[in-house]
C-alpha atoms as a PDB file:
ATOM      1  CA  UNK A   1      48.476 141.268 149.374  1.00  0.00           C
ATOM      2  CA  UNK A   2      51.121 141.086 146.652  1.00  0.00           C
ATOM      3  CA  UNK A   3      54.313 142.978 146.127  1.00  0.00           C
ATOM      4  CA  UNK A   4      55.175 143.917 142.562  1.00  0.00           C
ATOM      5  CA  UNK A   5      58.676 144.826 141.478  1.00  0.00           C
ATOM      6  CA  UNK A   6      59.715 146.707 138.388  1.00  0.00           C
ATOM      7  CA  UNK A   7      60.764 144.451 135.548  1.00  0.00           C
ATOM      8  CA  UNK A   8      64.282 145.833 135.450  1.00  0.00           C
ATOM      9  CA  UNK A   9      64.781 146.162 139.218  1.00  0.00           C
ATOM     10  CA  UNK A  10      67.861 143.916 139.342  1.00  0.00           C
ATOM     11  CA  UNK A  11      69.509 145.841 136.499  1.00  0.00           C
ATOM     12  CA  UNK A  12      68.790 149.139 138.268  1.00  0.00           C
ATOM     13  CA  UNK A  13      70.237 147.847 141.548  1.00  0.00           C
ATOM     14  CA  UNK A  14      73.336 146.527 139.767  1.00  0.00           C
ATOM     15  CA  UNK A  15      73.864 149.865 137.980  1.00  0.00           C
ATOM     16  CA  UNK A  16      73.591 151.722 141.293  1.00  0.00           C
ATOM     17  CA  UNK A  17      76.066 149.386 142.972  1.00  0.00           C
ATOM     18  CA  UNK A  18      78.573 149.681 140.105  1.00  0.00           C
ATOM     19  CA  UNK A  19      78.220 153.487 140.074  1.00  0.00           C
ATOM     20  CA  UNK A  20      78.781 153.694 143.833  1.00  0.00           C
ATOM     21  CA  UNK A  21      81.822 151.423 143.836  1.00  0.00           C
ATOM     22  CA  UNK A  22      83.160 153.185 140.728  1.00  0.00           C
ATOM     23  CA  UNK A  23      82.890 156.550 142.490  1.00  0.00           C
ATOM     24  CA  UNK A  24      84.724 155.201 145.541  1.00  0.00           C
ATOM     25  CA  UNK A  25      87.456 153.692 143.358  1.00  0.00           C
ATOM     26  CA  UNK A  26      87.812 156.974 141.446  1.00  0.00           C
ATOM     27  CA  UNK A  27      88.944 158.690 144.640  1.00  0.00           C
ATOM     28  CA  UNK A  28      91.656 156.112 145.329  1.00  0.00           C
ATOM     29  CA  UNK A  29      92.800 155.782 141.692  1.00  0.00           C
ATOM     30  CA  UNK A  30      92.799 159.479 140.890  1.00  0.00           C
ATOM     31  CA  UNK A  31      90.937 158.700 137.661  1.00  0.00           C
ATOM     32  CA  UNK A  32      87.300 159.456 136.871  1.00  0.00           C
ATOM     33  CA  UNK A  33      84.894 156.524 136.638  1.00  0.00           C
ATOM     34  CA  UNK A  34      82.721 156.170 133.546  1.00  0.00           C
ATOM     35  CA  UNK A  35      79.896 153.641 133.426  1.00  0.00           C
ATOM     36  CA  UNK A  36      79.702 151.518 130.278  1.00  0.00           C
ATOM     37  CA  UNK A  37      76.396 151.492 128.405  1.00  0.00           C
ATOM     38  CA  UNK A  38      74.755 148.677 126.464  1.00  0.00           C
ATOM     39  CA  UNK A  39      76.143 148.373 122.937  1.00  0.00           C
ATOM     40  CA  UNK A  40      79.253 150.390 123.780  1.00  0.00           C
ATOM     41  CA  UNK A  41      82.762 149.333 122.815  1.00  0.00           C
ATOM     42  CA  UNK A  42      85.113 149.224 125.815  1.00  0.00           C
ATOM     43  CA  UNK A  43      88.883 149.194 125.472  1.00  0.00           C
ATOM     44  CA  UNK A  44      91.866 149.787 127.711  1.00  0.00           C
ATOM     45  CA  UNK A  45      94.212 147.942 130.045  1.00  0.00           C
ATOM     46  CA  UNK A  46      92.666 145.184 132.182  1.00  0.00           C
ATOM     47  CA  UNK A  47      94.102 146.022 135.607  1.00  0.00           C
ATOM     48  CA  UNK A  48      92.146 143.805 137.990  1.00  0.00           C
ATOM     49  CA  UNK A  49      88.788 142.669 139.293  1.00  0.00           C
ATOM     50  CA  UNK A  50      86.274 143.805 141.885  1.00  0.00           C
ATOM     51  CA  UNK A  51      83.808 141.529 143.689  1.00  0.00           C
ATOM     52  CA  UNK A  52      80.383 143.123 144.164  1.00  0.00           C
ATOM     53  CA  UNK A  53      77.153 141.644 145.486  1.00  0.00           C
ATOM     54  CA  UNK A  54      75.887 141.631 141.885  1.00  0.00           C
ATOM     55  CA  UNK A  55      78.924 139.707 140.607  1.00  0.00           C
ATOM     56  CA  UNK A  56      82.555 140.031 139.638  1.00  0.00           C
ATOM     57  CA  UNK A  57      83.625 142.974 137.476  1.00  0.00           C
ATOM     58  CA  UNK A  58      86.749 143.686 135.434  1.00  0.00           C
ATOM     59  CA  UNK A  59      88.516 147.020 135.854  1.00  0.00           C
ATOM     60  CA  UNK A  60      89.450 148.445 132.433  1.00  0.00           C
ATOM     61  CA  UNK A  61      91.603 151.591 132.493  1.00  0.00           C
ATOM     62  CA  UNK A  62      92.310 154.141 129.800  1.00  0.00           C
ATOM     63  CA  UNK A  63      94.751 157.009 130.235  1.00  0.00           C
ATOM     64  CA  UNK A  64      92.111 159.432 131.538  1.00  0.00           C
ATOM     65  CA  UNK A  65      89.326 157.206 132.975  1.00  0.00           C
ATOM     66  CA  UNK A  66      88.331 153.696 133.975  1.00  0.00           C
ATOM     67  CA  UNK A  67      85.222 151.561 133.781  1.00  0.00           C
ATOM     68  CA  UNK A  68      83.842 148.433 135.449  1.00  0.00           C
ATOM     69  CA  UNK A  69      82.404 145.757 133.174  1.00  0.00           C
ATOM     70  CA  UNK A  70      81.055 142.262 133.881  1.00  0.00           C
ATOM     71  CA  UNK A  71      83.945 139.810 134.261  1.00  0.00           C
ATOM     72  CA  UNK A  72      84.251 136.496 132.420  1.00  0.00           C
ATOM     73  CA  UNK A  73      86.908 133.807 133.061  1.00  0.00           C
ATOM     74  CA  UNK A  74      88.374 134.174 129.557  1.00  0.00           C
ATOM     75  CA  UNK A  75      89.758 137.613 130.389  1.00  0.00           C
ATOM     76  CA  UNK A  76      91.917 136.551 133.362  1.00  0.00           C
ATOM     77  CA  UNK A  77      94.862 135.643 131.108  1.00  0.00           C
ATOM     78  CA  UNK A  78      94.828 139.217 129.791  1.00  0.00           C
ATOM     79  CA  UNK A  79      95.659 140.848 133.145  1.00  0.00           C
ATOM     80  CA  UNK A  80      97.931 143.838 132.539  1.00  0.00           C
ATOM     81  CA  UNK A  81      97.226 143.824 128.793  1.00  0.00           C
ATOM     82  CA  UNK A  82      95.098 145.897 126.460  1.00  0.00           C
ATOM     83  CA  UNK A  83      91.610 144.435 125.966  1.00  0.00           C
ATOM     84  CA  UNK A  84      88.616 145.300 123.845  1.00  0.00           C
ATOM     85  CA  UNK A  85      84.998 144.212 124.065  1.00  0.00           C
ATOM     86  CA  UNK A  86      81.403 145.198 123.470  1.00  0.00           C
ATOM     87  CA  UNK A  87      78.932 145.521 126.343  1.00  0.00           C
ATOM     88  CA  UNK A  88      75.758 143.582 125.534  1.00  0.00           C
ATOM     89  CA  UNK A  89      72.859 142.933 127.882  1.00  0.00           C
ATOM     90  CA  UNK A  90      74.755 142.761 131.162  1.00  0.00           C
ATOM     91  CA  UNK A  91      77.732 140.899 129.687  1.00  0.00           C
ATOM     92  CA  UNK A  92      80.786 141.692 127.576  1.00  0.00           C
ATOM     93  CA  UNK A  93      81.739 140.053 124.311  1.00  0.00           C
ATOM     94  CA  UNK A  94      85.537 140.172 124.543  1.00  0.00           C
ATOM     95  CA  UNK A  95      87.582 140.434 121.364  1.00  0.00           C
ATOM     96  CA  UNK A  96      90.894 138.886 122.367  1.00  0.00           C
ATOM     97  CA  UNK A  97      93.968 137.938 120.383  1.00  0.00           C
ATOM     98  CA  UNK A  98      96.401 139.847 118.251  1.00  0.00           C
ATOM     99  CA  UNK A  99      95.432 143.461 117.793  1.00  0.00           C
ATOM    100  CA  UNK A 100      96.395 145.408 114.709  1.00  0.00           C
ATOM    101  CA  UNK A 101      98.214 148.646 115.240  1.00  0.00           C
ATOM    102  CA  UNK A 102     101.562 150.116 116.170  1.00  0.00           C
ATOM    103  CA  UNK A 103     102.140 148.033 119.298  1.00  0.00           C
ATOM    104  CA  UNK A 104     104.920 145.455 118.911  1.00  0.00           C
END
């Protein structure tokens, strides 16, 4: 006999794990957790990382919420700084460097 798994089973399991950890972190941070969706722009302060069974995730906080997004080594130098990226297929395309705006 064979066992068949859904095509997107790993993605579903990862989403569940991130949602569960995000909910737990929301209690300790006092900020609501919001899951990032594919194609979404994510911005805020990179405040740390979380190690999950499905990989390492970056914690990105805004003033009223935070999100967990897949971590990449390039973002480590941005710890404590504002970051911006686009979530794409289980990864994040980070847009790092000088940001235009009022910040000096």
